[in-house]
N, C-alpha and C. Protein backbone atom coordinates (compact mmCIF):
# COMPACT_ATOMS: atom_id res chain seq x y z
N MET A 1 -0.96 -27.94 14.00
CA MET A 1 0.65 -27.22 13.69
C MET A 1 1.51 -27.67 14.80
N ILE A 2 2.70 -27.35 14.88
CA ILE A 2 3.90 -27.90 15.26
C ILE A 2 4.78 -26.03 15.62
N ILE A 3 4.37 -24.97 15.78
CA ILE A 3 5.52 -23.87 15.82
C ILE A 3 6.58 -24.32 16.45
N LYS A 4 7.50 -23.37 16.15
CA LYS A 4 9.29 -23.76 16.35
C LYS A 4 9.44 -21.79 16.66
N VAL A 5 10.75 -21.55 17.04
CA VAL A 5 10.85 -20.61 17.72
C VAL A 5 12.62 -20.09 16.79
N ARG A 6 12.69 -19.45 15.79
CA ARG A 6 13.22 -19.20 15.59
C ARG A 6 14.25 -18.30 16.76
N SER A 7 13.99 -17.84 17.53
CA SER A 7 14.69 -16.92 18.09
C SER A 7 13.96 -16.06 19.47
N TRP A 8 14.78 -16.46 20.22
CA TRP A 8 13.88 -16.50 21.77
C TRP A 8 14.89 -14.90 22.30
N ASN A 9 13.97 -14.05 22.54
CA ASN A 9 13.74 -12.98 23.41
C ASN A 9 14.30 -12.79 22.82
N THR A 10 14.92 -11.67 21.25
CA THR A 10 15.69 -11.13 20.25
C THR A 10 15.89 -9.92 20.42
N ASN A 11 15.79 -8.96 19.76
CA ASN A 11 15.92 -7.85 20.34
C ASN A 11 15.18 -6.91 18.69
N PRO A 12 15.41 -5.53 19.05
CA PRO A 12 14.37 -4.61 17.64
C PRO A 12 15.24 -4.81 16.29
N GLU A 13 16.32 -4.41 16.67
CA GLU A 13 17.37 -4.87 15.96
C GLU A 13 17.28 -5.92 14.55
N LEU A 14 17.33 -7.28 15.48
CA LEU A 14 17.28 -8.79 14.46
C LEU A 14 15.90 -8.09 13.96
N ILE A 15 14.89 -7.86 14.49
CA ILE A 15 13.86 -8.29 13.65
C ILE A 15 13.75 -7.25 12.57
N ASN A 16 13.88 -5.87 13.23
CA ASN A 16 14.29 -5.04 11.41
C ASN A 16 15.66 -5.37 10.80
N GLN A 17 16.15 -6.50 10.52
CA GLN A 17 16.50 -6.95 10.10
C GLN A 17 15.47 -7.80 9.30
N VAL A 18 15.71 -8.50 9.67
CA VAL A 18 14.35 -10.08 9.06
C VAL A 18 12.73 -9.34 8.26
N PHE A 19 12.73 -8.17 8.87
CA PHE A 19 11.02 -8.09 8.66
C PHE A 19 10.79 -6.52 7.56
N SER A 20 11.73 -5.70 8.02
CA SER A 20 11.82 -4.40 7.29
C SER A 20 11.97 -4.72 6.03
N GLY A 21 10.29 -3.72 5.29
CA GLY A 21 10.28 -4.10 3.77
C GLY A 21 8.97 -5.06 3.08
N ARG A 22 8.54 -5.80 4.55
CA ARG A 22 8.02 -6.87 4.31
C ARG A 22 6.41 -5.93 4.71
N THR A 23 5.15 -6.81 4.23
CA THR A 23 4.37 -6.67 4.30
C THR A 23 2.94 -7.03 6.06
N ILE A 24 2.06 -6.39 6.39
CA ILE A 24 1.96 -6.72 8.40
C ILE A 24 0.46 -7.60 7.52
N THR A 25 0.80 -8.97 7.52
CA THR A 25 -0.96 -9.37 6.82
C THR A 25 -1.68 -9.40 7.97
N LYS A 26 -1.64 -9.18 9.62
CA LYS A 26 -2.46 -9.35 10.50
C LYS A 26 -2.07 -9.20 12.24
N VAL A 27 -2.57 -9.24 12.42
CA VAL A 27 -2.63 -8.39 14.19
C VAL A 27 -3.42 -9.28 15.25
N GLU A 28 -2.78 -9.63 16.33
CA GLU A 28 -3.87 -10.21 16.44
C GLU A 28 -3.39 -9.35 18.66
N GLY A 29 -4.52 -9.35 18.83
CA GLY A 29 -4.48 -9.06 20.96
C GLY A 29 -3.12 -7.50 21.46
N LEU A 30 -4.12 -6.50 20.14
CA LEU A 30 -3.94 -4.66 20.47
C LEU A 30 -5.11 -4.59 20.86
N GLU A 31 -5.16 -4.97 22.16
CA GLU A 31 -6.03 -4.31 22.71
C GLU A 31 -5.37 -4.31 24.39
N LEU A 32 -5.96 -3.07 24.89
CA LEU A 32 -5.60 -2.92 25.98
C LEU A 32 -5.57 -4.08 26.95
N GLY A 33 -4.41 -3.49 28.10
CA GLY A 33 -5.04 -5.43 28.90
C GLY A 33 -4.57 -6.02 28.25
N GLU A 34 -4.14 -6.61 27.12
CA GLU A 34 -3.58 -7.55 26.31
C GLU A 34 -2.31 -7.95 27.01
N THR A 35 -1.96 -9.74 26.96
CA THR A 35 -0.85 -9.96 27.21
C THR A 35 0.00 -10.54 26.18
N LYS A 36 -0.48 -10.76 25.32
CA LYS A 36 0.23 -10.49 23.77
C LYS A 36 -0.21 -10.17 23.06
N ILE A 37 0.91 -9.86 21.61
CA ILE A 37 0.49 -9.35 20.62
C ILE A 37 1.03 -9.87 19.80
N TYR A 38 0.39 -10.47 18.06
CA TYR A 38 1.11 -10.94 17.66
C TYR A 38 1.25 -10.34 16.38
N ILE A 39 1.82 -10.09 15.47
CA ILE A 39 2.29 -9.19 14.39
C ILE A 39 2.52 -10.19 13.26
N TYR A 40 1.79 -10.42 12.87
CA TYR A 40 2.03 -11.54 11.11
C TYR A 40 1.88 -11.03 10.06
N PHE A 41 3.19 -11.71 9.56
CA PHE A 41 3.91 -11.13 7.49
C PHE A 41 2.99 -12.22 7.23
N SER A 42 3.00 -13.50 7.53
CA SER A 42 2.28 -14.69 6.46
C SER A 42 1.76 -15.57 7.76
N GLU A 43 1.10 -16.48 7.47
CA GLU A 43 0.48 -17.62 8.03
C GLU A 43 1.35 -18.45 9.17
N ASP A 44 2.34 -18.25 8.80
CA ASP A 44 3.46 -19.11 9.03
C ASP A 44 4.72 -18.55 9.49
N GLU A 45 4.58 -16.99 9.60
CA GLU A 45 5.65 -16.47 10.43
C GLU A 45 5.77 -14.56 11.00
N TYR A 46 5.93 -14.68 11.92
CA TYR A 46 5.59 -13.20 12.67
C TYR A 46 6.03 -13.35 13.86
N ILE A 47 5.11 -12.08 14.45
CA ILE A 47 6.38 -11.43 15.88
C ILE A 47 5.91 -11.82 16.45
N LYS A 48 6.36 -12.14 18.13
CA LYS A 48 5.47 -12.54 19.26
C LYS A 48 6.14 -11.53 20.34
N MET A 49 4.91 -10.97 20.70
CA MET A 49 5.25 -9.66 22.19
C MET A 49 4.28 -9.96 23.42
N TYR A 50 5.41 -10.35 24.05
CA TYR A 50 4.94 -10.66 25.16
C TYR A 50 5.59 -10.68 26.59
N HIS A 51 4.99 -11.06 27.75
CA HIS A 51 6.30 -11.27 28.59
C HIS A 51 6.18 -13.50 29.40
N GLN A 52 7.78 -13.77 29.85
CA GLN A 52 7.80 -14.72 29.42
C GLN A 52 7.47 -14.95 31.17
N GLN A 53 6.41 -15.53 31.31
CA GLN A 53 5.73 -15.32 32.74
C GLN A 53 6.75 -16.04 33.37
N ASP A 54 6.79 -16.34 34.88
CA ASP A 54 7.77 -16.67 35.58
C ASP A 54 6.96 -16.96 36.47
N CYS A 55 6.30 -16.51 37.67
CA CYS A 55 6.06 -17.27 38.71
C CYS A 55 4.77 -15.51 39.52
N CYS A 56 5.35 -14.79 40.25
CA CYS A 56 4.32 -14.63 40.40
C CYS A 56 4.24 -12.02 40.10
N GLU A 57 4.68 -12.25 38.71
CA GLU A 57 4.73 -10.78 38.18
C GLU A 57 3.37 -11.20 37.05
N ASN A 58 3.52 -9.67 36.78
CA ASN A 58 1.92 -9.52 35.82
C ASN A 58 2.75 -8.24 34.34
N VAL A 59 2.68 -8.84 33.45
CA VAL A 59 2.61 -8.06 32.28
C VAL A 59 1.86 -7.29 30.95
N ASP A 60 1.02 -6.12 30.96
CA ASP A 60 0.51 -6.36 30.37
C ASP A 60 0.65 -4.59 29.09
N LEU A 61 -0.66 -5.26 28.03
CA LEU A 61 -0.24 -3.71 27.28
C LEU A 61 -1.08 -2.55 28.16
N ASP A 62 -1.18 -0.97 28.42
CA ASP A 62 -1.30 -0.39 28.96
C ASP A 62 -1.96 0.73 28.55
N ASP A 63 -1.40 1.20 27.42
CA ASP A 63 -1.64 2.45 26.51
C ASP A 63 -1.20 1.79 24.60
N ILE A 64 -2.23 1.94 24.37
CA ILE A 64 -2.01 2.14 22.53
C ILE A 64 -2.06 3.65 21.58
N CYS A 65 -0.80 4.22 21.66
CA CYS A 65 -1.68 5.75 20.78
C CYS A 65 -0.88 5.44 18.86
N GLY A 66 -1.94 6.04 18.04
CA GLY A 66 -1.53 5.84 17.02
C GLY A 66 -2.75 5.03 15.99
N ASN A 67 -1.71 5.05 14.31
CA ASN A 67 -2.99 4.17 13.67
C ASN A 67 -2.36 2.25 13.88
N THR A 68 -3.99 2.14 14.87
CA THR A 68 -3.79 0.44 15.18
C THR A 68 -3.89 -0.41 13.83
N GLU A 69 -4.80 0.25 12.56
CA GLU A 69 -5.04 -0.67 11.16
C GLU A 69 -3.57 -0.52 10.49
N LEU A 70 -2.94 -2.73 11.22
CA LEU A 70 -1.49 -2.46 10.11
C LEU A 70 -1.42 -2.76 9.75
N GLU A 71 -2.90 -4.32 9.22
CA GLU A 71 -3.61 -4.99 7.92
C GLU A 71 -2.84 -4.41 6.60
N GLY A 72 -1.98 -4.68 5.90
CA GLY A 72 -1.30 -4.33 4.81
C GLY A 72 -0.74 -3.17 4.30
N ALA A 73 -0.02 -2.86 6.27
CA ALA A 73 0.67 -1.45 5.56
C ALA A 73 2.37 -1.79 5.55
N ILE A 74 3.00 -1.28 4.96
CA ILE A 74 4.73 -1.90 5.17
C ILE A 74 5.23 -1.70 6.83
N PHE A 75 6.01 -3.10 6.86
CA PHE A 75 6.91 -2.63 8.20
C PHE A 75 8.09 -1.98 7.84
N TYR A 76 8.42 -0.99 8.74
CA TYR A 76 9.48 -0.46 8.12
C TYR A 76 10.58 -0.78 9.69
N GLU A 77 9.85 -0.36 10.55
CA GLU A 77 10.78 -0.45 12.32
C GLU A 77 10.49 -0.50 13.76
N LEU A 78 10.99 -1.54 14.31
CA LEU A 78 10.47 -1.77 16.21
C LEU A 78 11.74 -0.48 16.44
N VAL A 79 10.88 -0.29 17.43
CA VAL A 79 11.98 0.53 18.36
C VAL A 79 11.50 0.68 19.65
N GLU A 80 12.14 -0.38 20.12
CA GLU A 80 12.47 0.44 21.74
C GLU A 80 12.35 1.96 22.20
N LYS A 81 11.91 2.59 23.06
CA LYS A 81 12.53 3.90 23.70
C LYS A 81 12.71 2.89 25.33
N LYS A 82 14.17 4.18 25.87
CA LYS A 82 13.74 3.84 27.18
C LYS A 82 13.68 5.18 27.62
N SER A 83 13.49 5.45 28.60
CA SER A 83 13.24 6.61 29.69
C SER A 83 14.21 6.76 30.54
N ASP A 84 14.93 8.27 30.33
CA ASP A 84 15.49 8.81 31.61
C ASP A 84 14.13 9.19 32.87
N VAL A 85 13.05 8.82 32.53
CA VAL A 85 12.52 10.17 33.20
C VAL A 85 11.76 8.49 34.96
N GLU A 86 11.86 8.65 36.01
CA GLU A 86 11.50 7.77 37.02
C GLU A 86 9.82 7.68 36.85
N LEU A 87 8.85 6.85 36.28
CA LEU A 87 7.38 6.78 35.73
C LEU A 87 7.03 5.80 37.33
N GLU A 88 6.02 6.32 37.68
CA GLU A 88 5.55 6.06 38.77
C GLU A 88 4.51 4.76 38.66
N ALA A 89 4.90 4.14 39.91
CA ALA A 89 3.88 2.67 39.96
C ALA A 89 2.02 2.47 39.70
N LYS A 90 1.94 2.52 39.07
CA LYS A 90 0.28 2.94 38.58
C LYS A 90 -0.68 1.75 40.10
N GLU A 91 -0.29 1.09 41.06
CA GLU A 91 -0.80 0.64 41.97
C GLU A 91 0.47 1.44 42.97
N GLU A 92 -0.10 1.85 44.21
CA GLU A 92 0.91 2.39 45.67
C GLU A 92 1.54 1.06 46.24
N TYR A 93 0.83 0.06 46.90
CA TYR A 93 1.29 -1.52 47.09
C TYR A 93 3.11 -2.04 46.43
N GLU A 94 2.81 -1.37 44.80
CA GLU A 94 3.53 -2.60 44.41
C GLU A 94 5.37 -2.15 44.45
N GLU A 95 5.62 -3.39 44.63
CA GLU A 95 7.10 -2.86 45.00
C GLU A 95 8.02 -2.96 43.99
N SER A 96 7.86 -3.20 42.52
CA SER A 96 9.05 -3.59 41.87
C SER A 96 7.88 -3.22 40.64
N TRP A 97 7.96 -2.05 39.49
CA TRP A 97 7.73 -2.04 38.26
C TRP A 97 8.53 -1.57 37.08
N THR A 98 8.19 -1.90 35.60
CA THR A 98 8.93 -1.75 34.87
C THR A 98 7.66 -1.09 33.66
N TRP A 99 7.96 0.70 32.86
CA TRP A 99 7.31 0.54 32.22
C TRP A 99 8.18 0.38 30.37
N THR A 100 7.78 -0.05 29.41
CA THR A 100 8.29 -0.22 28.13
C THR A 100 7.00 -0.24 27.31
N PHE A 101 8.24 0.72 26.40
CA PHE A 101 7.77 1.48 25.28
C PHE A 101 8.47 1.00 24.14
N TYR A 102 7.28 0.87 23.31
CA TYR A 102 8.10 0.07 21.58
C TYR A 102 6.36 1.52 20.25
N THR A 103 7.50 1.72 19.83
CA THR A 103 6.97 2.24 18.63
C THR A 103 7.24 1.90 17.37
N ILE A 104 5.75 0.95 16.98
CA ILE A 104 6.09 0.28 15.18
C ILE A 104 5.95 1.12 14.30
N LYS A 105 6.67 1.74 13.57
CA LYS A 105 6.94 2.08 12.30
C LYS A 105 6.53 2.05 11.47
N THR A 106 5.74 2.28 10.23
CA THR A 106 4.99 1.64 9.23
C THR A 106 4.85 2.38 7.82
N SER A 107 4.54 2.15 6.98
CA SER A 107 3.80 3.21 5.75
C SER A 107 2.18 3.94 6.16
N LYS A 108 1.45 3.13 7.29
CA LYS A 108 0.55 3.87 7.60
C LYS A 108 0.70 4.63 8.59
N GLY A 109 2.10 5.05 9.01
CA GLY A 109 2.18 5.93 10.53
C GLY A 109 2.88 4.85 11.45
N TYR A 110 2.17 5.89 12.28
CA TYR A 110 3.28 5.19 13.90
C TYR A 110 2.75 4.40 14.95
N LEU A 111 2.85 3.61 15.29
CA LEU A 111 2.30 3.04 16.76
C LEU A 111 2.69 2.35 17.86
N ASP A 112 2.21 3.93 18.97
CA ASP A 112 3.29 3.49 20.25
C ASP A 112 2.98 2.57 20.91
N LEU A 113 3.42 1.52 21.74
CA LEU A 113 2.98 0.75 22.55
C LEU A 113 3.50 0.79 23.92
N ARG A 114 2.59 1.45 25.42
CA ARG A 114 3.16 0.89 26.36
C ARG A 114 3.08 0.08 27.56
N TRP A 115 3.63 -1.14 27.64
CA TRP A 115 3.35 -1.96 28.35
C TRP A 115 3.73 -1.64 30.77
N TYR A 116 3.42 -2.40 30.58
CA TYR A 116 3.12 -2.36 32.40
C TYR A 116 3.50 -3.35 33.11
N GLY A 117 4.29 -3.45 33.90
CA GLY A 117 5.05 -5.03 34.21
C GLY A 117 5.29 -3.96 36.09
N SER A 118 4.40 -5.40 36.70
CA SER A 118 4.65 -5.46 38.02
C SER A 118 5.76 -6.83 38.80
N SER A 119 5.67 -6.53 39.98
CA SER A 119 6.47 -7.60 40.71
C SER A 119 6.45 -7.58 42.28
N ASN A 120 7.22 -8.48 42.97
CA ASN A 120 7.52 -8.12 44.29
C ASN A 120 8.89 -8.02 44.13
N GLY A 121 9.87 -8.02 42.83
CA GLY A 121 11.06 -7.46 42.95
C GLY A 121 11.96 -9.05 42.64
N TYR A 122 11.42 -9.72 42.70
CA TYR A 122 11.83 -10.83 42.02
C TYR A 122 12.44 -11.28 40.66
N TYR A 123 10.94 -11.24 39.95
CA TYR A 123 10.88 -11.82 38.39
C TYR A 123 10.66 -10.22 38.06
N GLY A 124 11.50 -10.15 36.81
CA GLY A 124 11.66 -9.54 35.74
C GLY A 124 10.01 -8.97 35.23
N GLU A 125 10.80 -7.90 34.86
CA GLU A 125 8.97 -6.80 34.09
C GLU A 125 8.55 -6.45 32.81
N GLY A 126 9.92 -7.30 32.21
CA GLY A 126 10.28 -6.96 30.71
C GLY A 126 8.95 -7.50 30.05
N VAL A 127 9.27 -6.72 28.58
CA VAL A 127 8.49 -7.68 27.44
C VAL A 127 9.38 -8.67 26.43
N ASP A 128 9.06 -9.52 25.95
CA ASP A 128 10.26 -10.63 24.93
C ASP A 128 9.71 -10.34 24.17
N LEU A 129 10.53 -10.06 22.80
CA LEU A 129 10.35 -10.07 21.81
C LEU A 129 10.16 -11.45 20.76
N VAL A 130 9.70 -12.00 20.28
CA VAL A 130 10.13 -13.77 19.92
C VAL A 130 10.35 -13.62 18.23
N ILE A 131 10.74 -13.97 17.11
CA ILE A 131 10.71 -14.12 15.83
C ILE A 131 9.80 -15.78 15.53
N CYS A 132 8.50 -16.08 15.35
CA CYS A 132 7.79 -17.48 15.60
C CYS A 132 8.05 -17.57 13.83
N TYR A 133 7.88 -19.03 13.30
CA TYR A 133 7.68 -19.59 12.29
C TYR A 133 7.26 -21.26 12.17
N GLU A 134 7.18 -21.69 11.24
CA GLU A 134 6.18 -22.97 11.66
C GLU A 134 6.62 -24.40 11.01
N ASP A 135 7.03 -25.07 12.23
CA ASP A 135 8.03 -26.41 11.47
C ASP A 135 8.34 -26.29 9.72
N GLY A 136 8.91 -26.34 10.06
CA GLY A 136 9.75 -26.87 8.11
C GLY A 136 9.88 -25.43 7.09
N LYS A 137 10.06 -24.26 7.60
CA LYS A 137 10.53 -23.44 7.29
C LYS A 137 11.96 -22.37 7.39
């Protein structure tokens, strides 16, 4: 199967336009320490949350809070939360770090995801959102 990407590095607003009101059929990677989460709406159409690796940075899922039973839920909204509070690095030797927060709102409730990225300061540490679909769809 060839996978083509409909939209690289999209934003929550576009994801909400495409998927709001649709049923989530499967979720993969929803575990602490994971580097990718896949939220499926069919076998060939899904959201991928991950970090596009450049070189010397690490980004992974640091905390999960809320209802993780997303299969069968109606997707309402993905919201990125911005914090005006400077959060500490997990390790004192890290030169640069980024905390990224997302909330997924569904018919089964809320799911908060906290991602943590660190690097030497030269590379990005954020989370990328991608809408994927199977070739030909």
